[in-house]
Amino acid sequence: MSLKIFEKLESEVRGYIRSFPVLFKRAKGAQLWDENNKNYIDFFSGAGTLNYGHNHPALKQVALEYIASDGVIHGLDMATEAKKDFIETFDSLILQPRGMQYKLQFTGPTGTNAVEAALKIARQVKGRSNIISFTNGFHGVSGGSLATTGNSKFRNASGVSLGDVVFMPYCDYFGESFDTIDHIDKLLSDSSSGIDHPAAVIVETVQGEGGVNAASFAWLKRLELLCKRHDMLLIIDDIQVGCGRTGSFFSFEGANIFPDIITLSKSLSGYGLPMALVLMKPEHDVWDVGAHNGTFRGNNLAFVTATETLRKFWDDDIFQDDIERKGAIIESWLRHISEIYPEGNFSVRGRGMMRGLHSEDPKLIHAIASAAFKHGVVIETSGSKDDVLKILAPLTISDELLREGLLTIESCVAQELGVSGRKKENVRPLMSAGRSS
């Protein structure tokens, strides 16, 4: 196998090919195969784009049928049957059961397009330009989104100044004893703090790229109240952590909050097809006709698979309960590793099926991820120092593959620490997976 053609012709910006230097040719469920038919367990899920796994048969079937029927593929923002079906299904299965009233805006095909639209509409609604974002936040790499992204690697690549954003400390950024909401409130209440009155706050409930940092539900509720107190809109970026990744469809449901604006993308189509969506409270829909558009905002094939995804997985609580069960298994296993291998100085982060194993030694985390790939587990790192091993297995992964992947990670931990594998009797047992693929 040779990757020379990529080295010769593809830009140096390519990233994941360096972490996973093989030629993949096939994917199914929670597994990938390379050109030599070596199989890999997928603990990466397309950076959160494949919550329902690769080529789910039910989604593949509706996509093939739609193509075979000569269904409209590209529709801009014209009315199509596929789009109508998605809107009606999203309203009936997601919004209405949660008591949510939002207008839907279909933006360009990726998450950063949704964030750009959300920031623009918030600024129009409030007539102010400043935005509050948070330390370690990631919201995209196009102009406006990049300004709200904290990572210096991405910011330094912009080539221009990034303004109209002020960064505040995220939940527990200074430790559990420091109240960051009080800190922000104090700064916003002081007319001499130097902070221009913000139009909105944008936040991830669990920071994926930033290191799998999870905000408490209590903190999120207080953030919503803070926004109301200071006349700011609350934007929840649910692009990676939504669509069931943390358990419920929206990651913030446990906080009992109702954001002014929500951004969705990644796993929204259910099949890895590009699709992005902005939800806004009706009173915030102040757009002039055509004021924000995009050639590929009408991916009808994505509408078709997204609709089937909602019908198959979100018409009852069975799938959600299974996510929570598997999330508890992953958390228990990582805590087991943290306790049994104290040499690694590990700690466990995350919520639901978005979990991270943090170490004070980034080189150790990198070595574990590299070893895991060599032993057949695709997994990435995150955090400002790439000091977090980030588990994003498909939500539909079988118990058997989940166990195998976690066992592989544990053996790689032992290998890189230079110790023998250790057992602990009370590791949470794997139970029936319910609606797994």
Protein backbone atom coordinates (compact mmCIF):
# COMPACT_ATOMS: atom_id res chain seq x y z
CA MET A 1 0.00 0.00 0.00
CA SER A 2 1.26 3.47 -0.83
CA LEU A 3 0.06 6.90 0.19
CA LYS A 4 2.50 8.66 -2.14
CA ILE A 5 -0.24 10.14 -4.32
CA PHE A 6 -1.62 11.97 -1.27
CA GLU A 7 1.85 13.15 -0.29
CA LYS A 8 2.50 14.34 -3.84
CA LEU A 9 -0.76 16.10 -4.68
CA GLU A 10 -2.76 16.77 -1.51
CA SER A 11 -2.10 19.87 0.57
CA GLU A 12 0.07 19.72 3.69
CA VAL A 13 -3.05 20.74 5.63
CA ARG A 14 -4.26 17.12 5.63
CA GLY A 15 -4.49 15.86 9.18
CA TYR A 16 -6.24 12.59 9.98
CA ILE A 17 -4.36 10.71 7.27
CA ARG A 18 -1.25 11.25 9.38
CA SER A 19 -2.86 9.68 12.44
CA PHE A 20 -4.41 6.83 10.44
CA PRO A 21 -1.89 6.16 7.61
CA VAL A 22 -3.69 3.38 5.75
CA LEU A 23 -5.89 3.26 2.67
CA PHE A 24 -9.45 2.58 3.83
CA LYS A 25 -11.78 0.93 1.34
CA ARG A 26 -14.92 -0.23 3.18
CA ALA A 27 -16.99 0.58 6.27
CA LYS A 28 -19.96 -0.98 8.01
CA GLY A 29 -21.51 -0.23 11.37
CA ALA A 30 -18.70 0.45 13.84
CA GLN A 31 -15.93 -1.02 11.69
CA LEU A 32 -13.60 -0.01 8.87
CA TRP A 33 -11.45 -2.16 6.57
CA ASP A 34 -8.27 -1.15 4.77
CA GLU A 35 -7.04 -2.33 1.38
CA ASN A 36 -5.47 -5.39 3.00
CA ASN A 37 -8.78 -6.29 4.66
CA LYS A 38 -7.50 -5.50 8.13
CA ASN A 39 -10.47 -4.39 10.18
CA TYR A 40 -10.59 -1.54 12.68
CA ILE A 41 -13.08 -0.72 15.41
CA ASP A 42 -14.23 2.87 14.93
CA PHE A 43 -13.99 4.95 18.11
CA PHE A 44 -13.85 8.11 15.98
CA SER A 45 -17.15 8.16 14.04
CA GLY A 46 -16.05 10.78 11.55
CA ALA A 47 -15.35 13.25 14.39
CA GLY A 48 -18.94 12.76 15.53
CA THR A 49 -20.56 12.70 12.09
CA LEU A 50 -21.43 9.00 12.16
CA ASN A 51 -23.43 8.61 15.37
CA TYR A 52 -25.44 5.83 13.72
CA GLY A 53 -22.40 4.07 12.28
CA HIS A 54 -21.24 3.55 8.70
CA ASN A 55 -23.77 2.61 6.03
CA HIS A 56 -26.65 1.80 8.32
CA PRO A 57 -28.83 -0.54 6.21
CA ALA A 58 -32.12 1.30 6.82
CA LEU A 59 -30.59 4.65 5.89
CA LYS A 60 -28.74 3.21 2.91
CA GLN A 61 -31.99 1.70 1.61
CA VAL A 62 -33.95 4.97 1.65
CA ALA A 63 -31.03 6.78 0.02
CA LEU A 64 -30.81 4.22 -2.79
CA GLU A 65 -34.56 4.28 -3.32
CA TYR A 66 -34.59 8.08 -3.49
CA ILE A 67 -31.78 8.14 -6.05
CA ALA A 68 -33.44 5.40 -8.09
CA SER A 69 -36.68 7.42 -8.19
CA ASP A 70 -34.89 10.46 -9.66
CA GLY A 71 -35.69 12.45 -6.54
CA VAL A 72 -34.49 16.06 -6.43
CA ILE A 73 -30.90 16.06 -5.14
CA HIS A 74 -29.98 19.74 -5.26
CA GLY A 75 -32.71 22.21 -4.38
CA LEU A 76 -31.20 25.38 -2.91
CA ASP A 77 -34.06 26.58 -0.68
CA MET A 78 -36.85 25.56 -3.02
CA ALA A 79 -39.74 23.49 -1.70
CA THR A 80 -39.28 19.75 -2.23
CA GLU A 81 -41.04 16.69 -0.88
CA ALA A 82 -37.85 15.53 0.85
CA LYS A 83 -37.47 18.84 2.67
CA LYS A 84 -41.16 18.94 3.60
CA ASP A 85 -40.96 15.43 5.08
CA PHE A 86 -37.90 16.34 7.13
CA ILE A 87 -39.42 19.54 8.54
CA GLU A 88 -42.66 17.79 9.49
CA THR A 89 -40.84 14.84 11.06
CA PHE A 90 -38.38 17.02 12.96
CA ASP A 91 -41.25 19.06 14.34
CA SER A 92 -43.36 16.06 15.35
CA LEU A 93 -40.62 13.83 16.80
CA ILE A 94 -38.09 16.34 18.18
CA LEU A 95 -39.60 19.77 18.79
CA GLN A 96 -43.19 19.11 19.85
CA PRO A 97 -42.44 16.36 22.42
CA ARG A 98 -39.93 18.71 24.07
CA GLY A 99 -42.26 21.71 24.08
CA MET A 100 -39.91 23.61 21.76
CA GLN A 101 -40.94 26.25 19.23
CA TYR A 102 -38.24 27.16 16.74
CA LYS A 103 -37.96 28.34 13.16
CA LEU A 104 -35.63 26.25 10.98
CA GLN A 105 -32.90 27.78 8.81
CA PHE A 106 -30.98 25.53 6.43
CA THR A 107 -27.51 26.94 5.89
CA GLY A 108 -24.51 25.78 3.88
CA PRO A 109 -23.55 22.15 4.42
CA THR A 110 -21.19 22.23 7.41
CA GLY A 111 -21.24 23.19 11.06
CA THR A 112 -19.26 26.37 10.61
CA ASN A 113 -21.92 27.60 8.14
CA ALA A 114 -24.55 27.16 10.85
CA VAL A 115 -22.42 29.02 13.40
CA GLU A 116 -21.81 31.89 10.98
CA ALA A 117 -25.56 32.27 10.46
CA ALA A 118 -26.27 32.06 14.19
CA LEU A 119 -23.76 34.80 15.00
CA LYS A 120 -25.08 37.06 12.24
CA ILE A 121 -28.70 36.73 13.29
CA ALA A 122 -27.84 37.32 16.96
CA ARG A 123 -26.03 40.52 16.05
CA GLN A 124 -28.98 41.67 13.96
CA VAL A 125 -31.49 40.92 16.72
CA LYS A 126 -29.56 42.83 19.38
CA GLY A 127 -27.93 45.48 17.19
CA ARG A 128 -24.59 44.80 18.87
CA SER A 129 -21.43 43.11 17.55
CA ASN A 130 -19.66 41.65 20.58
CA ILE A 131 -19.99 37.93 21.32
CA ILE A 132 -18.95 35.96 24.42
CA SER A 133 -17.23 32.67 23.75
CA PHE A 134 -15.35 30.39 26.14
CA THR A 135 -11.86 29.14 26.81
CA ASN A 136 -11.15 25.95 24.82
CA GLY A 137 -14.26 26.46 22.71
CA PHE A 138 -14.34 25.29 19.09
CA HIS A 139 -17.00 26.57 16.69
CA GLY A 140 -15.44 26.29 13.23
CA VAL A 141 -12.62 27.71 11.13
CA SER A 142 -14.36 30.18 8.78
CA GLY A 143 -14.10 33.88 9.62
CA GLY A 144 -16.82 34.57 12.17
CA SER A 145 -16.76 31.06 13.62
CA LEU A 146 -12.99 31.14 13.96
CA ALA A 147 -13.20 34.35 15.96
CA THR A 148 -15.18 32.38 18.59
CA THR A 149 -12.73 29.44 18.53
CA GLY A 150 -10.07 29.42 21.23
CA ASN A 151 -7.38 27.08 19.89
CA SER A 152 -4.31 29.04 18.79
CA LYS A 153 -3.48 26.49 16.07
CA PHE A 154 -6.63 27.43 14.20
CA ARG A 155 -6.57 31.12 15.09
CA ASN A 156 -2.98 31.58 13.94
CA ALA A 157 -3.87 30.22 10.51
CA SER A 158 -6.49 32.91 9.85
CA GLY A 159 -4.14 35.54 8.41
CA VAL A 160 -6.37 38.35 9.66
CA SER A 161 -7.31 39.86 12.98
CA LEU A 162 -10.21 38.16 14.75
CA GLY A 163 -12.40 40.59 16.64
CA ASP A 164 -15.78 41.30 18.21
CA VAL A 165 -15.41 38.33 20.57
CA VAL A 166 -14.41 38.22 24.23
CA PHE A 167 -13.41 34.92 25.84
CA MET A 168 -14.62 33.96 29.29
CA PRO A 169 -13.62 31.02 31.52
CA TYR A 170 -15.63 27.85 30.91
CA CYS A 171 -17.19 25.80 33.69
CA ASP A 172 -14.44 24.61 36.11
CA TYR A 173 -11.72 26.31 34.03
CA PHE A 174 -10.09 27.50 37.25
CA GLY A 175 -11.20 24.44 39.22
CA GLU A 176 -14.44 23.53 40.97
CA SER A 177 -13.99 26.15 43.70
CA PHE A 178 -14.06 29.10 41.26
CA ASP A 179 -17.50 30.34 40.17
CA THR A 180 -17.08 31.41 36.56
CA ILE A 181 -20.70 32.58 36.21
CA ASP A 182 -20.22 35.04 39.06
CA HIS A 183 -16.98 36.13 37.41
CA ILE A 184 -18.71 36.86 34.10
CA ASP A 185 -21.62 38.56 35.85
CA LYS A 186 -19.23 40.86 37.70
CA LEU A 187 -17.47 41.88 34.49
CA LEU A 188 -20.71 42.50 32.61
CA SER A 189 -22.15 44.50 35.51
CA ASP A 190 -19.12 46.80 35.72
CA SER A 191 -19.30 49.60 33.14
CA SER A 192 -15.54 50.04 33.53
CA SER A 193 -14.59 46.39 32.83
CA GLY A 194 -13.81 47.28 29.23
CA ILE A 195 -16.23 44.70 27.85
CA ASP A 196 -18.66 46.01 25.28
CA HIS A 197 -22.22 44.81 25.84
CA PRO A 198 -22.40 41.45 24.03
CA ALA A 199 -25.18 40.45 21.67
CA ALA A 200 -24.91 36.78 22.53
CA VAL A 201 -23.08 33.98 24.26
CA ILE A 202 -22.06 30.87 22.29
CA VAL A 203 -21.19 27.68 24.13
CA GLU A 204 -20.74 23.92 23.76
CA THR A 205 -22.25 21.92 26.60
CA VAL A 206 -19.35 19.48 26.23
CA GLN A 207 -16.25 20.85 24.54
CA GLY A 208 -15.13 18.19 22.07
CA GLU A 209 -12.09 19.65 20.35
CA GLY A 210 -11.26 21.53 23.55
CA GLY A 211 -10.68 18.36 25.58
CA VAL A 212 -14.06 16.75 26.37
CA ASN A 213 -14.78 19.32 29.08
CA ALA A 214 -18.37 18.92 30.29
CA ALA A 215 -20.30 21.82 31.78
CA SER A 216 -22.61 20.90 34.63
CA PHE A 217 -26.35 21.27 34.07
CA ALA A 218 -26.46 23.70 36.99
CA TRP A 219 -23.81 25.87 35.30
CA LEU A 220 -25.74 25.84 32.01
CA LYS A 221 -28.95 26.86 33.78
CA ARG A 222 -27.17 29.76 35.46
CA LEU A 223 -25.67 30.75 32.12
CA GLU A 224 -29.16 30.97 30.63
CA LEU A 225 -30.27 33.19 33.54
CA LEU A 226 -27.14 35.33 33.09
CA CYS A 227 -28.01 35.87 29.43
CA LYS A 228 -31.51 37.00 30.35
CA ARG A 229 -30.19 39.31 33.09
CA HIS A 230 -27.82 41.03 30.67
CA ASP A 231 -30.06 41.00 27.58
CA MET A 232 -27.95 38.56 25.56
CA LEU A 233 -29.02 35.67 23.35
CA LEU A 234 -27.89 32.17 24.29
CA ILE A 235 -26.50 30.13 21.37
CA ILE A 236 -25.91 26.44 22.02
CA ASP A 237 -23.48 24.84 19.58
CA ASP A 238 -24.78 21.24 19.43
CA ILE A 239 -22.92 20.36 16.25
CA GLN A 240 -20.77 17.59 17.72
CA VAL A 241 -22.53 16.83 20.99
CA GLY A 242 -26.11 16.85 19.71
CA CYS A 243 -28.09 14.18 17.84
CA GLY A 244 -27.86 11.83 20.81
CA ARG A 245 -24.13 11.92 21.50
CA THR A 246 -24.60 12.75 25.19
CA GLY A 247 -27.78 10.68 25.59
CA SER A 248 -30.74 12.94 24.79
CA PHE A 249 -31.22 14.31 21.26
CA PHE A 250 -30.10 17.78 22.38
CA SER A 251 -27.15 17.80 24.77
CA PHE A 252 -28.69 20.48 27.01
CA GLU A 253 -32.02 18.81 27.79
CA GLY A 254 -30.93 17.78 31.29
CA ALA A 255 -30.38 21.43 32.17
CA ASN A 256 -34.01 22.33 31.38
CA ILE A 257 -33.01 25.33 29.29
CA PHE A 258 -34.39 26.71 26.04
CA PRO A 259 -31.62 28.40 24.04
CA ASP A 260 -32.43 31.30 21.78
CA ILE A 261 -30.48 29.71 18.94
CA ILE A 262 -29.21 26.13 18.40
CA THR A 263 -26.78 24.95 15.75
CA LEU A 264 -26.80 21.36 14.43
CA SER A 265 -24.79 19.53 11.78
CA LYS A 266 -22.41 16.50 11.78
CA SER A 267 -24.77 13.56 12.56
CA LEU A 268 -27.96 15.37 11.59
CA SER A 269 -28.28 13.54 8.26
CA GLY A 270 -27.57 10.23 10.02
CA TYR A 271 -25.55 8.96 7.07
CA GLY A 272 -22.54 11.24 6.96
CA LEU A 273 -24.07 13.49 4.29
CA PRO A 274 -23.41 17.24 4.61
CA MET A 275 -26.28 19.04 6.31
CA ALA A 276 -26.50 21.93 8.76
CA LEU A 277 -29.39 23.57 10.56
CA VAL A 278 -30.00 26.63 12.72
CA LEU A 279 -32.94 26.64 15.11
CA MET A 280 -34.07 30.05 16.32
CA LYS A 281 -36.95 31.20 18.45
CA PRO A 282 -39.58 32.69 16.11
CA GLU A 283 -39.15 36.21 17.43
CA HIS A 284 -35.48 36.16 16.39
CA ASP A 285 -36.18 35.37 12.74
CA VAL A 286 -35.50 38.90 11.49
CA TRP A 287 -33.66 37.97 8.29
CA ASP A 288 -34.37 39.92 5.12
CA VAL A 289 -35.21 37.60 2.22
CA GLY A 290 -32.01 36.05 0.84
CA ALA A 291 -29.76 37.90 3.29
CA HIS A 292 -27.92 34.69 4.15
CA ASN A 293 -27.76 31.92 1.58
CA GLY A 294 -25.58 29.13 0.22
CA THR A 295 -25.56 26.97 -2.90
CA PHE A 296 -25.62 23.68 -0.99
CA ARG A 297 -28.16 24.48 1.70
CA GLY A 298 -30.69 22.15 0.11
CA ASN A 299 -29.09 18.68 0.20
CA ASN A 300 -32.24 16.65 -0.39
CA LEU A 301 -30.50 13.29 -0.11
CA ALA A 302 -29.44 14.35 3.39
CA PHE A 303 -33.05 15.34 4.14
CA VAL A 304 -34.16 11.83 3.18
CA THR A 305 -31.68 10.01 5.41
CA ALA A 306 -32.20 12.51 8.23
CA THR A 307 -35.94 11.89 8.17
CA GLU A 308 -35.46 8.11 8.30
CA THR A 309 -32.96 8.54 11.15
CA LEU A 310 -35.52 10.42 13.21
CA ARG A 311 -38.23 7.87 12.54
CA LYS A 312 -36.02 4.87 13.30
CA PHE A 313 -34.21 6.11 16.41
CA TRP A 314 -36.14 8.99 17.98
CA ASP A 315 -39.81 7.98 18.04
CA ASP A 316 -39.47 6.51 21.56
CA ASP A 317 -36.98 6.35 24.46
CA ILE A 318 -35.42 2.96 23.72
CA PHE A 319 -32.44 4.29 21.76
CA GLN A 320 -31.83 7.12 24.23
CA ASP A 321 -31.84 4.69 27.16
CA ASP A 322 -29.33 2.48 25.34
CA ILE A 323 -26.99 5.44 24.78
CA GLU A 324 -27.08 6.25 28.47
CA ARG A 325 -26.35 2.60 29.34
CA LYS A 326 -23.37 2.39 27.01
CA GLY A 327 -22.11 5.78 28.17
CA ALA A 328 -22.09 4.49 31.74
CA ILE A 329 -20.14 1.43 30.60
CA ILE A 330 -17.49 3.56 28.88
CA GLU A 331 -17.22 5.86 31.90
CA SER A 332 -16.86 2.89 34.26
CA TRP A 333 -14.17 1.34 32.09
CA LEU A 334 -12.18 4.57 31.89
CA ARG A 335 -12.43 5.06 35.64
CA HIS A 336 -11.17 1.52 36.03
CA ILE A 337 -8.14 2.40 33.87
CA SER A 338 -7.58 5.60 35.87
CA GLU A 339 -7.62 3.71 39.17
CA ILE A 340 -5.69 0.60 38.14
CA TYR A 341 -2.93 2.49 36.29
CA PRO A 342 -2.05 5.42 38.59
CA GLU A 343 1.27 5.81 36.76
CA GLY A 344 -0.62 7.55 33.97
CA ASN A 345 -2.08 10.31 36.19
CA PHE A 346 -5.38 9.85 34.37
CA SER A 347 -8.74 11.54 34.89
CA VAL A 348 -12.06 10.89 33.18
CA ARG A 349 -14.17 13.48 31.37
CA GLY A 350 -17.35 13.79 29.35
CA ARG A 351 -20.99 12.80 29.29
CA GLY A 352 -23.02 10.05 27.59
CA MET A 353 -21.06 8.43 24.78
CA MET A 354 -18.64 11.33 24.50
CA ARG A 355 -15.86 10.41 26.91
CA GLY A 356 -12.24 11.32 27.39
CA LEU A 357 -9.24 9.95 29.25
CA HIS A 358 -6.98 12.84 30.26
CA SER A 359 -3.34 12.68 31.30
CA GLU A 360 -0.91 15.38 32.36
CA ASP A 361 1.49 13.79 29.85
CA PRO A 362 0.37 14.53 26.25
CA LYS A 363 3.11 12.25 24.88
CA LEU A 364 1.56 9.33 26.74
CA ILE A 365 -1.89 10.04 25.27
CA HIS A 366 -0.42 10.29 21.78
CA ALA A 367 1.42 7.01 22.28
CA ILE A 368 -1.74 5.25 23.49
CA ALA A 369 -3.73 6.52 20.50
CA SER A 370 -1.00 5.42 18.07
CA ALA A 371 -0.74 1.99 19.71
CA ALA A 372 -4.51 1.59 19.64
CA PHE A 373 -4.57 2.23 15.90
CA LYS A 374 -1.83 -0.34 15.32
CA HIS A 375 -3.98 -2.81 17.26
CA GLY A 376 -7.11 -2.00 15.27
CA VAL A 377 -8.91 0.86 17.04
CA VAL A 378 -9.38 4.22 15.29
CA ILE A 379 -9.36 6.91 17.97
CA GLU A 380 -8.32 10.57 18.12
CA THR A 381 -6.93 12.94 20.72
CA SER A 382 -8.19 16.39 21.70
CA GLY A 383 -7.47 19.23 24.09
CA SER A 384 -5.20 22.26 23.84
CA LYS A 385 -2.18 19.96 24.28
CA ASP A 386 -3.72 16.85 22.69
CA ASP A 387 -3.74 15.47 26.21
CA VAL A 388 -7.14 13.72 26.04
CA LEU A 389 -7.92 10.35 24.46
CA LYS A 390 -11.36 10.99 22.98
CA ILE A 391 -13.88 8.16 22.61
CA LEU A 392 -16.59 8.77 19.99
CA ALA A 393 -17.82 5.28 19.17
CA PRO A 394 -21.01 5.03 17.08
CA LEU A 395 -24.08 5.14 19.30
CA THR A 396 -25.20 1.91 17.63
CA ILE A 397 -22.02 -0.06 18.38
CA SER A 398 -22.60 -3.62 19.61
CA ASP A 399 -21.59 -4.62 23.12
CA GLU A 400 -19.05 -7.05 21.71
CA LEU A 401 -17.22 -4.42 19.67
CA LEU A 402 -17.44 -1.89 22.49
CA ARG A 403 -15.85 -4.40 24.88
CA GLU A 404 -13.16 -5.33 22.37
CA GLY A 405 -12.28 -1.69 21.73
CA LEU A 406 -12.11 -0.81 25.42
CA LEU A 407 -9.98 -3.89 26.15
CA THR A 408 -7.61 -2.84 23.37
CA ILE A 409 -7.30 0.65 24.82
CA GLU A 410 -6.57 -0.76 28.27
CA SER A 411 -3.90 -3.10 26.91
CA CYS A 412 -2.30 -0.16 25.07
CA VAL A 413 -2.30 1.86 28.30
CA ALA A 414 -0.46 -0.98 30.06
CA GLN A 415 1.93 -1.33 27.12
CA GLU A 416 2.86 2.35 26.98
CA LEU A 417 3.26 2.57 30.74
CA GLY A 418 5.52 -0.48 30.64
CA VAL A 419 3.45 -2.44 33.14
CA SER A 420 1.52 -5.69 32.92
CA GLY A 421 -2.24 -5.68 32.49
CA ARG A 422 -4.18 -5.51 35.72
CA LYS A 423 -7.67 -6.71 36.52
CA LYS A 424 -10.38 -5.34 38.73
CA GLU A 425 -13.37 -7.47 39.60
CA ASN A 426 -15.98 -4.71 39.84
CA VAL A 427 -15.68 -3.32 36.32
CA ARG A 428 -19.25 -2.67 35.10
CA PRO A 429 -20.45 -5.70 33.11
CA LEU A 430 -21.68 -5.29 29.56
CA MET A 431 -25.39 -5.95 29.31
CA SER A 432 -27.70 -6.47 26.34
CA ALA A 433 -27.22 -3.67 23.83
CA GLY A 434 -30.88 -3.25 22.91
CA ARG A 435 -31.12 -1.56 19.51
CA SER A 436 -27.49 -1.98 18.46
CA SER A 437 -26.31 -2.73 14.94
